[in-house]
Amino acid sequence: MSVREHWINVRVNPEELARIREKQKELGIQNTGAYMRKMALDGYCVNLDLSDVAQVSTLLRRCSNNLNQYAKRANESGSIYAEDIRDLQKRLNELWEMQKLILKRLSAMR
């Protein structure tokens, strides 16, 4: 952790303070110093909702597990079932749709 030795004091009026607090609350940042530093250095703060990414990760894990099971079955029996392939295709299509949604939402961010 870096040591911060220098102070910068800024005076604001009540309306400006209210706006700063409101923006902090919207972003879920409780530390005013961290918020002010981020805004001063980068000019913006981004609050990302990563629930879609978590859902894609879950679907990827399931597809990987299923693929491993299909490979094991194919190695043991020498064949694979059409229903297994359809199930995997369905899950992969869900992943692609989620991926498109995530990319669309990210590209709309300003």
PDB file of N, CA and C in Angstrom:
ATOM      1  N   MET A   1       0.849  -1.170   0.000  1.00  0.00           N
ATOM      2  CA  MET A   1       0.000   0.000   0.000  1.00  0.00           C
ATOM      3  C   MET A   1       0.897   1.236   0.000  1.00  0.00           C
ATOM      4  N   SER A   2       0.606   2.172  -0.843  1.00  0.00           N
ATOM      5  CA  SER A   2       1.431   3.378  -0.943  1.00  0.00           C
ATOM      6  C   SER A   2       1.094   4.364   0.176  1.00  0.00           C
ATOM      7  N   VAL A   3       2.087   5.148   0.526  1.00  0.00           N
ATOM      8  CA  VAL A   3       1.907   6.176   1.552  1.00  0.00           C
ATOM      9  C   VAL A   3       1.533   7.470   0.845  1.00  0.00           C
ATOM     10  N   ARG A   4       0.453   8.061   1.286  1.00  0.00           N
ATOM     11  CA  ARG A   4      -0.001   9.325   0.695  1.00  0.00           C
ATOM     12  C   ARG A   4       0.337  10.443   1.669  1.00  0.00           C
ATOM     13  N   GLU A   5       1.304  11.261   1.290  1.00  0.00           N
ATOM     14  CA  GLU A   5       1.812  12.294   2.186  1.00  0.00           C
ATOM     15  C   GLU A   5       1.256  13.675   1.889  1.00  0.00           C
ATOM     16  N   HIS A   6       0.716  13.892   0.715  1.00  0.00           N
ATOM     17  CA  HIS A   6       0.307  15.230   0.298  1.00  0.00           C
ATOM     18  C   HIS A   6      -1.211  15.377   0.363  1.00  0.00           C
ATOM     19  N   TRP A   7      -1.626  16.580   0.747  1.00  0.00           N
ATOM     20  CA  TRP A   7      -3.046  16.896   0.861  1.00  0.00           C
ATOM     21  C   TRP A   7      -3.459  17.828  -0.270  1.00  0.00           C
ATOM     22  N   ILE A   8      -4.665  17.631  -0.770  1.00  0.00           N
ATOM     23  CA  ILE A   8      -5.294  18.582  -1.686  1.00  0.00           C
ATOM     24  C   ILE A   8      -6.648  18.897  -1.074  1.00  0.00           C
ATOM     25  N   ASN A   9      -6.885  20.144  -0.770  1.00  0.00           N
ATOM     26  CA  ASN A   9      -8.158  20.555  -0.177  1.00  0.00           C
ATOM     27  C   ASN A   9      -9.002  21.241  -1.239  1.00  0.00           C
ATOM     28  N   VAL A  10     -10.249  20.861  -1.296  1.00  0.00           N
ATOM     29  CA  VAL A  10     -11.180  21.444  -2.257  1.00  0.00           C
ATOM     30  C   VAL A  10     -12.426  21.877  -1.503  1.00  0.00           C
ATOM     31  N   ARG A  11     -12.848  23.089  -1.743  1.00  0.00           N
ATOM     32  CA  ARG A  11     -14.081  23.574  -1.123  1.00  0.00           C
ATOM     33  C   ARG A  11     -15.223  23.409  -2.121  1.00  0.00           C
ATOM     34  N   VAL A  12     -16.352  22.948  -1.611  1.00  0.00           N
ATOM     35  CA  VAL A  12     -17.546  22.790  -2.442  1.00  0.00           C
ATOM     36  C   VAL A  12     -18.732  23.395  -1.710  1.00  0.00           C
ATOM     37  N   ASN A  13     -19.749  23.778  -2.487  1.00  0.00           N
ATOM     38  CA  ASN A  13     -20.964  24.288  -1.856  1.00  0.00           C
ATOM     39  C   ASN A  13     -21.879  23.098  -1.538  1.00  0.00           C
ATOM     40  N   PRO A  14     -22.967  23.320  -0.812  1.00  0.00           N
ATOM     41  CA  PRO A  14     -23.838  22.210  -0.411  1.00  0.00           C
ATOM     42  C   PRO A  14     -24.392  21.400  -1.591  1.00  0.00           C
ATOM     43  N   GLU A  15     -24.722  22.074  -2.699  1.00  0.00           N
ATOM     44  CA  GLU A  15     -25.264  21.367  -3.859  1.00  0.00           C
ATOM     45  C   GLU A  15     -24.202  20.455  -4.483  1.00  0.00           C
ATOM     46  N   GLU A  16     -22.980  20.974  -4.582  1.00  0.00           N
ATOM     47  CA  GLU A  16     -21.893  20.168  -5.145  1.00  0.00           C
ATOM     48  C   GLU A  16     -21.591  18.958  -4.255  1.00  0.00           C
ATOM     49  N   LEU A  17     -21.596  19.182  -2.947  1.00  0.00           N
ATOM     50  CA  LEU A  17     -21.361  18.081  -2.015  1.00  0.00           C
ATOM     51  C   LEU A  17     -22.453  17.018  -2.157  1.00  0.00           C
ATOM     52  N   ALA A  18     -23.688  17.468  -2.297  1.00  0.00           N
ATOM     53  CA  ALA A  18     -24.801  16.529  -2.462  1.00  0.00           C
ATOM     54  C   ALA A  18     -24.629  15.709  -3.742  1.00  0.00           C
ATOM     55  N   ARG A  19     -24.209  16.367  -4.822  1.00  0.00           N
ATOM     56  CA  ARG A  19     -23.986  15.654  -6.092  1.00  0.00           C
ATOM     57  C   ARG A  19     -22.851  14.642  -5.970  1.00  0.00           C
ATOM     58  N   ILE A  20     -21.779  15.036  -5.283  1.00  0.00           N
ATOM     59  CA  ILE A  20     -20.649  14.121  -5.081  1.00  0.00           C
ATOM     60  C   ILE A  20     -21.107  12.896  -4.296  1.00  0.00           C
ATOM     61  N   ARG A  21     -21.826  13.132  -3.201  1.00  0.00           N
ATOM     62  CA  ARG A  21     -22.321  12.021  -2.376  1.00  0.00           C
ATOM     63  C   ARG A  21     -23.273  11.115  -3.167  1.00  0.00           C
ATOM     64  N   GLU A  22     -24.129  11.735  -3.984  1.00  0.00           N
ATOM     65  CA  GLU A  22     -25.081  10.967  -4.787  1.00  0.00           C
ATOM     66  C   GLU A  22     -24.346  10.061  -5.777  1.00  0.00           C
ATOM     67  N   LYS A  23     -23.338  10.618  -6.451  1.00  0.00           N
ATOM     68  CA  LYS A  23     -22.576   9.822  -7.418  1.00  0.00           C
ATOM     69  C   LYS A  23     -21.801   8.712  -6.717  1.00  0.00           C
ATOM     70  N   GLN A  24     -21.261   9.009  -5.550  1.00  0.00           N
ATOM     71  CA  GLN A  24     -20.576   7.991  -4.759  1.00  0.00           C
ATOM     72  C   GLN A  24     -21.525   6.850  -4.434  1.00  0.00           C
ATOM     73  N   LYS A  25     -22.727   7.209  -4.000  1.00  0.00           N
ATOM     74  CA  LYS A  25     -23.722   6.209  -3.623  1.00  0.00           C
ATOM     75  C   LYS A  25     -24.112   5.358  -4.828  1.00  0.00           C
ATOM     76  N   GLU A  26     -24.300   5.996  -5.999  1.00  0.00           N
ATOM     77  CA  GLU A  26     -24.654   5.263  -7.220  1.00  0.00           C
ATOM     78  C   GLU A  26     -23.602   4.217  -7.562  1.00  0.00           C
ATOM     79  N   LEU A  27     -22.344   4.562  -7.331  1.00  0.00           N
ATOM     80  CA  LEU A  27     -21.241   3.661  -7.661  1.00  0.00           C
ATOM     81  C   LEU A  27     -20.907   2.690  -6.542  1.00  0.00           C
ATOM     82  N   GLY A  28     -21.498   2.907  -5.378  1.00  0.00           N
ATOM     83  CA  GLY A  28     -21.223   2.026  -4.253  1.00  0.00           C
ATOM     84  C   GLY A  28     -19.863   2.268  -3.617  1.00  0.00           C
ATOM     85  N   ILE A  29     -19.334   3.486  -3.777  1.00  0.00           N
ATOM     86  CA  ILE A  29     -18.043   3.845  -3.187  1.00  0.00           C
ATOM     87  C   ILE A  29     -18.308   4.616  -1.902  1.00  0.00           C
ATOM     88  N   GLN A  30     -17.885   4.073  -0.773  1.00  0.00           N
ATOM     89  CA  GLN A  30     -18.140   4.719   0.512  1.00  0.00           C
ATOM     90  C   GLN A  30     -17.020   5.667   0.913  1.00  0.00           C
ATOM     91  N   ASN A  31     -15.813   5.422   0.446  1.00  0.00           N
ATOM     92  CA  ASN A  31     -14.654   6.227   0.813  1.00  0.00           C
ATOM     93  C   ASN A  31     -14.558   7.432  -0.116  1.00  0.00           C
ATOM     94  N   THR A  32     -14.811   8.627   0.425  1.00  0.00           N
ATOM     95  CA  THR A  32     -14.794   9.849  -0.382  1.00  0.00           C
ATOM     96  C   THR A  32     -13.414  10.107  -0.971  1.00  0.00           C
ATOM     97  N   GLY A  33     -12.368   9.842  -0.209  1.00  0.00           N
ATOM     98  CA  GLY A  33     -11.011  10.034  -0.713  1.00  0.00           C
ATOM     99  C   GLY A  33     -10.732   9.161  -1.929  1.00  0.00           C
ATOM    100  N   ALA A  34     -11.155   7.901  -1.867  1.00  0.00           N
ATOM    101  CA  ALA A  34     -10.953   6.986  -2.994  1.00  0.00           C
ATOM    102  C   ALA A  34     -11.727   7.466  -4.219  1.00  0.00           C
ATOM    103  N   TYR A  35     -12.953   7.931  -3.992  1.00  0.00           N
ATOM    104  CA  TYR A  35     -13.772   8.437  -5.099  1.00  0.00           C
ATOM    105  C   TYR A  35     -13.128   9.671  -5.729  1.00  0.00           C
ATOM    106  N   MET A  36     -12.715  10.618  -4.907  1.00  0.00           N
ATOM    107  CA  MET A  36     -12.122  11.855  -5.429  1.00  0.00           C
ATOM    108  C   MET A  36     -10.814  11.574  -6.166  1.00  0.00           C
ATOM    109  N   ARG A  37     -10.001  10.663  -5.623  1.00  0.00           N
ATOM    110  CA  ARG A  37      -8.748  10.298  -6.283  1.00  0.00           C
ATOM    111  C   ARG A  37      -9.018   9.681  -7.650  1.00  0.00           C
ATOM    112  N   LYS A  38      -9.970   8.759  -7.701  1.00  0.00           N
ATOM    113  CA  LYS A  38     -10.311   8.083  -8.962  1.00  0.00           C
ATOM    114  C   LYS A  38     -10.810   9.095  -9.988  1.00  0.00           C
ATOM    115  N   MET A  39     -11.683   9.990  -9.573  1.00  0.00           N
ATOM    116  CA  MET A  39     -12.219  10.989 -10.498  1.00  0.00           C
ATOM    117  C   MET A  39     -11.133  11.958 -10.953  1.00  0.00           C
ATOM    118  N   ALA A  40     -10.249  12.368 -10.045  1.00  0.00           N
ATOM    119  CA  ALA A  40      -9.190  13.319 -10.401  1.00  0.00           C
ATOM    120  C   ALA A  40      -8.175  12.686 -11.347  1.00  0.00           C
ATOM    121  N   LEU A  41      -7.852  11.431 -11.131  1.00  0.00           N
ATOM    122  CA  LEU A  41      -6.824  10.781 -11.942  1.00  0.00           C
ATOM    123  C   LEU A  41      -7.362  10.231 -13.260  1.00  0.00           C
ATOM    124  N   ASP A  42      -8.562   9.660 -13.235  1.00  0.00           N
ATOM    125  CA  ASP A  42      -9.098   8.999 -14.427  1.00  0.00           C
ATOM    126  C   ASP A  42     -10.265   9.739 -15.066  1.00  0.00           C
ATOM    127  N   GLY A  43     -10.925  10.581 -14.312  1.00  0.00           N
ATOM    128  CA  GLY A  43     -12.040  11.339 -14.865  1.00  0.00           C
ATOM    129  C   GLY A  43     -13.363  10.603 -14.858  1.00  0.00           C
ATOM    130  N   TYR A  44     -13.361   9.344 -14.455  1.00  0.00           N
ATOM    131  CA  TYR A  44     -14.610   8.591 -14.423  1.00  0.00           C
ATOM    132  C   TYR A  44     -14.465   7.388 -13.497  1.00  0.00           C
ATOM    133  N   CYS A  45     -15.600   6.888 -13.050  1.00  0.00           N
ATOM    134  CA  CYS A  45     -15.669   5.645 -12.287  1.00  0.00           C
ATOM    135  C   CYS A  45     -16.720   4.781 -12.965  1.00  0.00           C
ATOM    136  N   VAL A  46     -16.486   3.504 -13.026  1.00  0.00           N
ATOM    137  CA  VAL A  46     -17.418   2.590 -13.671  1.00  0.00           C
ATOM    138  C   VAL A  46     -17.848   1.547 -12.652  1.00  0.00           C
ATOM    139  N   ASN A  47     -19.140   1.350 -12.557  1.00  0.00           N
ATOM    140  CA  ASN A  47     -19.694   0.311 -11.707  1.00  0.00           C
ATOM    141  C   ASN A  47     -20.218  -0.784 -12.623  1.00  0.00           C
ATOM    142  N   LEU A  48     -19.540  -1.915 -12.660  1.00  0.00           N
ATOM    143  CA  LEU A  48     -19.915  -2.992 -13.566  1.00  0.00           C
ATOM    144  C   LEU A  48     -20.796  -4.012 -12.868  1.00  0.00           C
ATOM    145  N   ASP A  49     -21.867  -4.391 -13.542  1.00  0.00           N
ATOM    146  CA  ASP A  49     -22.702  -5.493 -13.092  1.00  0.00           C
ATOM    147  C   ASP A  49     -22.173  -6.733 -13.804  1.00  0.00           C
ATOM    148  N   LEU A  50     -21.493  -7.587 -13.074  1.00  0.00           N
ATOM    149  CA  LEU A  50     -20.853  -8.754 -13.676  1.00  0.00           C
ATOM    150  C   LEU A  50     -21.683 -10.024 -13.525  1.00  0.00           C
ATOM    151  N   SER A  51     -22.977  -9.886 -13.249  1.00  0.00           N
ATOM    152  CA  SER A  51     -23.813 -11.073 -13.076  1.00  0.00           C
ATOM    153  C   SER A  51     -23.898 -11.882 -14.365  1.00  0.00           C
ATOM    154  N   ASP A  52     -23.905 -11.213 -15.526  1.00  0.00           N
ATOM    155  CA  ASP A  52     -23.929 -11.935 -16.799  1.00  0.00           C
ATOM    156  C   ASP A  52     -22.645 -12.730 -17.003  1.00  0.00           C
ATOM    157  N   VAL A  53     -21.525 -12.156 -16.612  1.00  0.00           N
ATOM    158  CA  VAL A  53     -20.243 -12.852 -16.738  1.00  0.00           C
ATOM    159  C   VAL A  53     -20.236 -14.087 -15.837  1.00  0.00           C
ATOM    160  N   ALA A  54     -20.775 -13.954 -14.638  1.00  0.00           N
ATOM    161  CA  ALA A  54     -20.855 -15.093 -13.720  1.00  0.00           C
ATOM    162  C   ALA A  54     -21.741 -16.189 -14.303  1.00  0.00           C
ATOM    163  N   GLN A  55     -22.831 -15.789 -14.948  1.00  0.00           N
ATOM    164  CA  GLN A  55     -23.732 -16.768 -15.551  1.00  0.00           C
ATOM    165  C   GLN A  55     -23.043 -17.485 -16.709  1.00  0.00           C
ATOM    166  N   VAL A  56     -22.291 -16.754 -17.528  1.00  0.00           N
ATOM    167  CA  VAL A  56     -21.554 -17.376 -18.630  1.00  0.00           C
ATOM    168  C   VAL A  56     -20.512 -18.346 -18.077  1.00  0.00           C
ATOM    169  N   SER A  57     -19.846 -17.968 -16.999  1.00  0.00           N
ATOM    170  CA  SER A  57     -18.850 -18.850 -16.384  1.00  0.00           C
ATOM    171  C   SER A  57     -19.494 -20.143 -15.895  1.00  0.00           C
ATOM    172  N   THR A  58     -20.673 -20.028 -15.299  1.00  0.00           N
ATOM    173  CA  THR A  58     -21.395 -21.211 -14.838  1.00  0.00           C
ATOM    174  C   THR A  58     -21.748 -22.116 -16.009  1.00  0.00           C
ATOM    175  N   LEU A  59     -22.260 -21.524 -17.083  1.00  0.00           N
ATOM    176  CA  LEU A  59     -22.608 -22.318 -18.261  1.00  0.00           C
ATOM    177  C   LEU A  59     -21.372 -22.973 -18.874  1.00  0.00           C
ATOM    178  N   LEU A  60     -20.256 -22.264 -18.897  1.00  0.00           N
ATOM    179  CA  LEU A  60     -19.015 -22.844 -19.415  1.00  0.00           C
ATOM    180  C   LEU A  60     -18.577 -24.045 -18.580  1.00  0.00           C
ATOM    181  N   ARG A  61     -18.671 -23.927 -17.259  1.00  0.00           N
ATOM    182  CA  ARG A  61     -18.317 -25.050 -16.390  1.00  0.00           C
ATOM    183  C   ARG A  61     -19.207 -26.254 -16.672  1.00  0.00           C
ATOM    184  N   ARG A  62     -20.502 -26.008 -16.822  1.00  0.00           N
ATOM    185  CA  ARG A  62     -21.427 -27.112 -17.097  1.00  0.00           C
ATOM    186  C   ARG A  62     -21.107 -27.776 -18.429  1.00  0.00           C
ATOM    187  N   CYS A  63     -20.841 -26.951 -19.447  1.00  0.00           N
ATOM    188  CA  CYS A  63     -20.494 -27.510 -20.761  1.00  0.00           C
ATOM    189  C   CYS A  63     -19.211 -28.326 -20.674  1.00  0.00           C
ATOM    190  N   SER A  64     -18.239 -27.826 -19.933  1.00  0.00           N
ATOM    191  CA  SER A  64     -16.972 -28.552 -19.781  1.00  0.00           C
ATOM    192  C   SER A  64     -17.192 -29.881 -19.075  1.00  0.00           C
ATOM    193  N   ASN A  65     -17.985 -29.864 -18.015  1.00  0.00           N
ATOM    194  CA  ASN A  65     -18.285 -31.107 -17.297  1.00  0.00           C
ATOM    195  C   ASN A  65     -19.007 -32.091 -18.203  1.00  0.00           C
ATOM    196  N   ASN A  66     -20.012 -31.601 -18.941  1.00  0.00           N
ATOM    197  CA  ASN A  66     -20.751 -32.479 -19.839  1.00  0.00           C
ATOM    198  C   ASN A  66     -19.846 -33.041 -20.923  1.00  0.00           C
ATOM    199  N   LEU A  67     -18.994 -32.198 -21.484  1.00  0.00           N
ATOM    200  CA  LEU A  67     -18.083 -32.651 -22.531  1.00  0.00           C
ATOM    201  C   LEU A  67     -17.155 -33.741 -22.001  1.00  0.00           C
ATOM    202  N   ASN A  68     -16.666 -33.574 -20.784  1.00  0.00           N
ATOM    203  CA  ASN A  68     -15.823 -34.612 -20.175  1.00  0.00           C
ATOM    204  C   ASN A  68     -16.591 -35.916 -19.991  1.00  0.00           C
ATOM    205  N   GLN A  69     -17.850 -35.821 -19.583  1.00  0.00           N
ATOM    206  CA  GLN A  69     -18.672 -37.021 -19.423  1.00  0.00           C
ATOM    207  C   GLN A  69     -18.920 -37.695 -20.767  1.00  0.00           C
ATOM    208  N   TYR A  70     -19.184 -36.892 -21.809  1.00  0.00           N
ATOM    209  CA  TYR A  70     -19.413 -37.452 -23.144  1.00  0.00           C
ATOM    210  C   TYR A  70     -18.154 -38.141 -23.658  1.00  0.00           C
ATOM    211  N   ALA A  71     -16.995 -37.520 -23.428  1.00  0.00           N
ATOM    212  CA  ALA A  71     -15.730 -38.110 -23.879  1.00  0.00           C
ATOM    213  C   ALA A  71     -15.470 -39.426 -23.145  1.00  0.00           C
ATOM    214  N   LYS A  72     -15.753 -39.441 -21.845  1.00  0.00           N
ATOM    215  CA  LYS A  72     -15.563 -40.668 -21.066  1.00  0.00           C
ATOM    216  C   LYS A  72     -16.474 -41.774 -21.590  1.00  0.00           C
ATOM    217  N   ARG A  73     -17.742 -41.437 -21.841  1.00  0.00           N
ATOM    218  CA  ARG A  73     -18.693 -42.419 -22.356  1.00  0.00           C
ATOM    219  C   ARG A  73     -18.263 -42.913 -23.734  1.00  0.00           C
ATOM    220  N   ALA A  74     -17.810 -41.995 -24.587  1.00  0.00           N
ATOM    221  CA  ALA A  74     -17.372 -42.380 -25.933  1.00  0.00           C
ATOM    222  C   ALA A  74     -16.158 -43.304 -25.849  1.00  0.00           C
ATOM    223  N   ASN A  75     -15.238 -43.025 -24.938  1.00  0.00           N
ATOM    224  CA  ASN A  75     -14.058 -43.880 -24.785  1.00  0.00           C
ATOM    225  C   ASN A  75     -14.418 -45.257 -24.240  1.00  0.00           C
ATOM    226  N   GLU A  76     -15.410 -45.309 -23.351  1.00  0.00           N
ATOM    227  CA  GLU A  76     -15.807 -46.586 -22.756  1.00  0.00           C
ATOM    228  C   GLU A  76     -16.631 -47.423 -23.716  1.00  0.00           C
ATOM    229  N   SER A  77     -17.599 -46.801 -24.391  1.00  0.00           N
ATOM    230  CA  SER A  77     -18.534 -47.560 -25.226  1.00  0.00           C
ATOM    231  C   SER A  77     -18.215 -47.491 -26.712  1.00  0.00           C
ATOM    232  N   GLY A  78     -17.384 -46.541 -27.100  1.00  0.00           N
ATOM    233  CA  GLY A  78     -17.066 -46.404 -28.527  1.00  0.00           C
ATOM    234  C   GLY A  78     -18.119 -45.633 -29.295  1.00  0.00           C
ATOM    235  N   SER A  79     -19.139 -45.100 -28.586  1.00  0.00           N
ATOM    236  CA  SER A  79     -20.172 -44.325 -29.286  1.00  0.00           C
ATOM    237  C   SER A  79     -20.629 -43.166 -28.404  1.00  0.00           C
ATOM    238  N   ILE A  80     -21.339 -42.249 -29.033  1.00  0.00           N
ATOM    239  CA  ILE A  80     -21.891 -41.099 -28.316  1.00  0.00           C
ATOM    240  C   ILE A  80     -23.336 -40.925 -28.767  1.00  0.00           C
ATOM    241  N   TYR A  81     -24.181 -40.449 -27.889  1.00  0.00           N
ATOM    242  CA  TYR A  81     -25.602 -40.343 -28.188  1.00  0.00           C
ATOM    243  C   TYR A  81     -25.936 -38.991 -28.819  1.00  0.00           C
ATOM    244  N   ALA A  82     -26.858 -39.021 -29.771  1.00  0.00           N
ATOM    245  CA  ALA A  82     -27.281 -37.798 -30.462  1.00  0.00           C
ATOM    246  C   ALA A  82     -27.882 -36.797 -29.474  1.00  0.00           C
ATOM    247  N   GLU A  83     -28.588 -37.295 -28.471  1.00  0.00           N
ATOM    248  CA  GLU A  83     -29.199 -36.407 -27.468  1.00  0.00           C
ATOM    249  C   GLU A  83     -28.126 -35.632 -26.701  1.00  0.00           C
ATOM    250  N   ASP A  84     -27.008 -36.291 -26.425  1.00  0.00           N
ATOM    251  CA  ASP A  84     -25.903 -35.609 -25.748  1.00  0.00           C
ATOM    252  C   ASP A  84     -25.361 -34.467 -26.602  1.00  0.00           C
ATOM    253  N   ILE A  85     -25.220 -34.709 -27.884  1.00  0.00           N
ATOM    254  CA  ILE A  85     -24.717 -33.682 -28.804  1.00  0.00           C
ATOM    255  C   ILE A  85     -25.700 -32.513 -28.860  1.00  0.00           C
ATOM    256  N   ARG A  86     -26.999 -32.811 -28.955  1.00  0.00           N
ATOM    257  CA  ARG A  86     -28.013 -31.744 -28.997  1.00  0.00           C
ATOM    258  C   ARG A  86     -27.987 -30.916 -27.713  1.00  0.00           C
ATOM    259  N   ASP A  87     -27.833 -31.595 -26.573  1.00  0.00           N
ATOM    260  CA  ASP A  87     -27.771 -30.895 -25.289  1.00  0.00           C
ATOM    261  C   ASP A  87     -26.569 -29.956 -25.251  1.00  0.00           C
ATOM    262  N   LEU A  88     -25.428 -30.433 -25.687  1.00  0.00           N
ATOM    263  CA  LEU A  88     -24.230 -29.604 -25.696  1.00  0.00           C
ATOM    264  C   LEU A  88     -24.386 -28.433 -26.663  1.00  0.00           C
ATOM    265  N   GLN A  89     -24.977 -28.678 -27.832  1.00  0.00           N
ATOM    266  CA  GLN A  89     -25.214 -27.590 -28.792  1.00  0.00           C
ATOM    267  C   GLN A  89     -26.137 -26.531 -28.198  1.00  0.00           C
ATOM    268  N   LYS A  90     -27.179 -26.973 -27.496  1.00  0.00           N
ATOM    269  CA  LYS A  90     -28.115 -26.034 -26.871  1.00  0.00           C
ATOM    270  C   LYS A  90     -27.393 -25.157 -25.851  1.00  0.00           C
ATOM    271  N   ARG A  91     -26.579 -25.771 -25.025  1.00  0.00           N
ATOM    272  CA  ARG A  91     -25.845 -25.015 -24.007  1.00  0.00           C
ATOM    273  C   ARG A  91     -24.849 -24.043 -24.640  1.00  0.00           C
ATOM    274  N   LEU A  92     -24.191 -24.475 -25.695  1.00  0.00           N
ATOM    275  CA  LEU A  92     -23.248 -23.586 -26.375  1.00  0.00           C
ATOM    276  C   LEU A  92     -23.976 -22.415 -27.026  1.00  0.00           C
ATOM    277  N   ASN A  93     -25.155 -22.662 -27.583  1.00  0.00           N
ATOM    278  CA  ASN A  93     -25.948 -21.566 -28.149  1.00  0.00           C
ATOM    279  C   ASN A  93     -26.344 -20.564 -27.066  1.00  0.00           C
ATOM    280  N   GLU A  94     -26.693 -21.059 -25.879  1.00  0.00           N
ATOM    281  CA  GLU A  94     -27.005 -20.168 -24.758  1.00  0.00           C
ATOM    282  C   GLU A  94     -25.794 -19.305 -24.410  1.00  0.00           C
ATOM    283  N   LEU A  95     -24.626 -19.933 -24.412  1.00  0.00           N
ATOM    284  CA  LEU A  95     -23.396 -19.186 -24.130  1.00  0.00           C
ATOM    285  C   LEU A  95     -23.167 -18.080 -25.149  1.00  0.00           C
ATOM    286  N   TRP A  96     -23.357 -18.387 -26.426  1.00  0.00           N
ATOM    287  CA  TRP A  96     -23.159 -17.380 -27.472  1.00  0.00           C
ATOM    288  C   TRP A  96     -24.143 -16.231 -27.323  1.00  0.00           C
ATOM    289  N   GLU A  97     -25.381 -16.535 -26.979  1.00  0.00           N
ATOM    290  CA  GLU A  97     -26.379 -15.480 -26.785  1.00  0.00           C
ATOM    291  C   GLU A  97     -26.003 -14.590 -25.601  1.00  0.00           C
ATOM    292  N   MET A  98     -25.556 -15.208 -24.521  1.00  0.00           N
ATOM    293  CA  MET A  98     -25.125 -14.429 -23.361  1.00  0.00           C
ATOM    294  C   MET A  98     -23.919 -13.566 -23.718  1.00  0.00           C
ATOM    295  N   GLN A  99     -22.987 -14.146 -24.476  1.00  0.00           N
ATOM    296  CA  GLN A  99     -21.797 -13.405 -24.886  1.00  0.00           C
ATOM    297  C   GLN A  99     -22.187 -12.180 -25.718  1.00  0.00           C
ATOM    298  N   LYS A 100     -23.118 -12.361 -26.650  1.00  0.00           N
ATOM    299  CA  LYS A 100     -23.576 -11.235 -27.483  1.00  0.00           C
ATOM    300  C   LYS A 100     -24.214 -10.147 -26.624  1.00  0.00           C
ATOM    301  N   LEU A 101     -25.015 -10.556 -25.644  1.00  0.00           N
ATOM    302  CA  LEU A 101     -25.668  -9.600 -24.746  1.00  0.00           C
ATOM    303  C   LEU A 101     -24.632  -8.814 -23.945  1.00  0.00           C
ATOM    304  N   ILE A 102     -23.650  -9.509 -23.418  1.00  0.00           N
ATOM    305  CA  ILE A 102     -22.596  -8.842 -22.638  1.00  0.00           C
ATOM    306  C   ILE A 102     -21.856  -7.838 -23.504  1.00  0.00           C
ATOM    307  N   LEU A 103     -21.462  -8.246 -24.712  1.00  0.00           N
ATOM    308  CA  LEU A 103     -20.732  -7.346 -25.608  1.00  0.00           C
ATOM    309  C   LEU A 103     -21.580  -6.138 -25.995  1.00  0.00           C
ATOM    310  N   LYS A 104     -22.871  -6.358 -26.214  1.00  0.00           N
ATOM    311  CA  LYS A 104     -23.767  -5.254 -26.568  1.00  0.00           C
ATOM    312  C   LYS A 104     -23.851  -4.254 -25.421  1.00  0.00           C
ATOM    313  N   ARG A 105     -23.991  -4.765 -24.203  1.00  0.00           N
ATOM    314  CA  ARG A 105     -24.084  -3.880 -23.042  1.00  0.00           C
ATOM    315  C   ARG A 105     -22.773  -3.144 -22.791  1.00  0.00           C
ATOM    316  N   LEU A 106     -21.651  -3.824 -22.990  1.00  0.00           N
ATOM    317  CA  LEU A 106     -20.356  -3.165 -22.800  1.00  0.00           C
ATOM    318  C   LEU A 106     -20.119  -2.087 -23.846  1.00  0.00           C
ATOM    319  N   SER A 107     -20.533  -2.348 -25.087  1.00  0.00           N
ATOM    320  CA  SER A 107     -20.315  -1.356 -26.144  1.00  0.00           C
ATOM    321  C   SER A 107     -21.196  -0.125 -25.954  1.00  0.00           C
ATOM    322  N   ALA A 108     -22.293  -0.266 -25.212  1.00  0.00           N
ATOM    323  CA  ALA A 108     -23.193   0.865 -24.967  1.00  0.00           C
ATOM    324  C   ALA A 108     -22.697   1.754 -23.826  1.00  0.00           C
ATOM    325  N   MET A 109     -21.678   1.290 -23.095  1.00  0.00           N
ATOM    326  CA  MET A 109     -21.162   2.082 -21.971  1.00  0.00           C
ATOM    327  C   MET A 109     -20.407   3.290 -22.480  1.00  0.00           C
ATOM    328  N   ARG A 110     -20.583   4.387 -21.822  1.00  0.00           N
ATOM    329  CA  ARG A 110     -19.877   5.631 -22.174  1.00  0.00           C
ATOM    330  C   ARG A 110     -19.138   6.126 -20.975  1.00  0.00           C
TER     331      ARG A 110
END
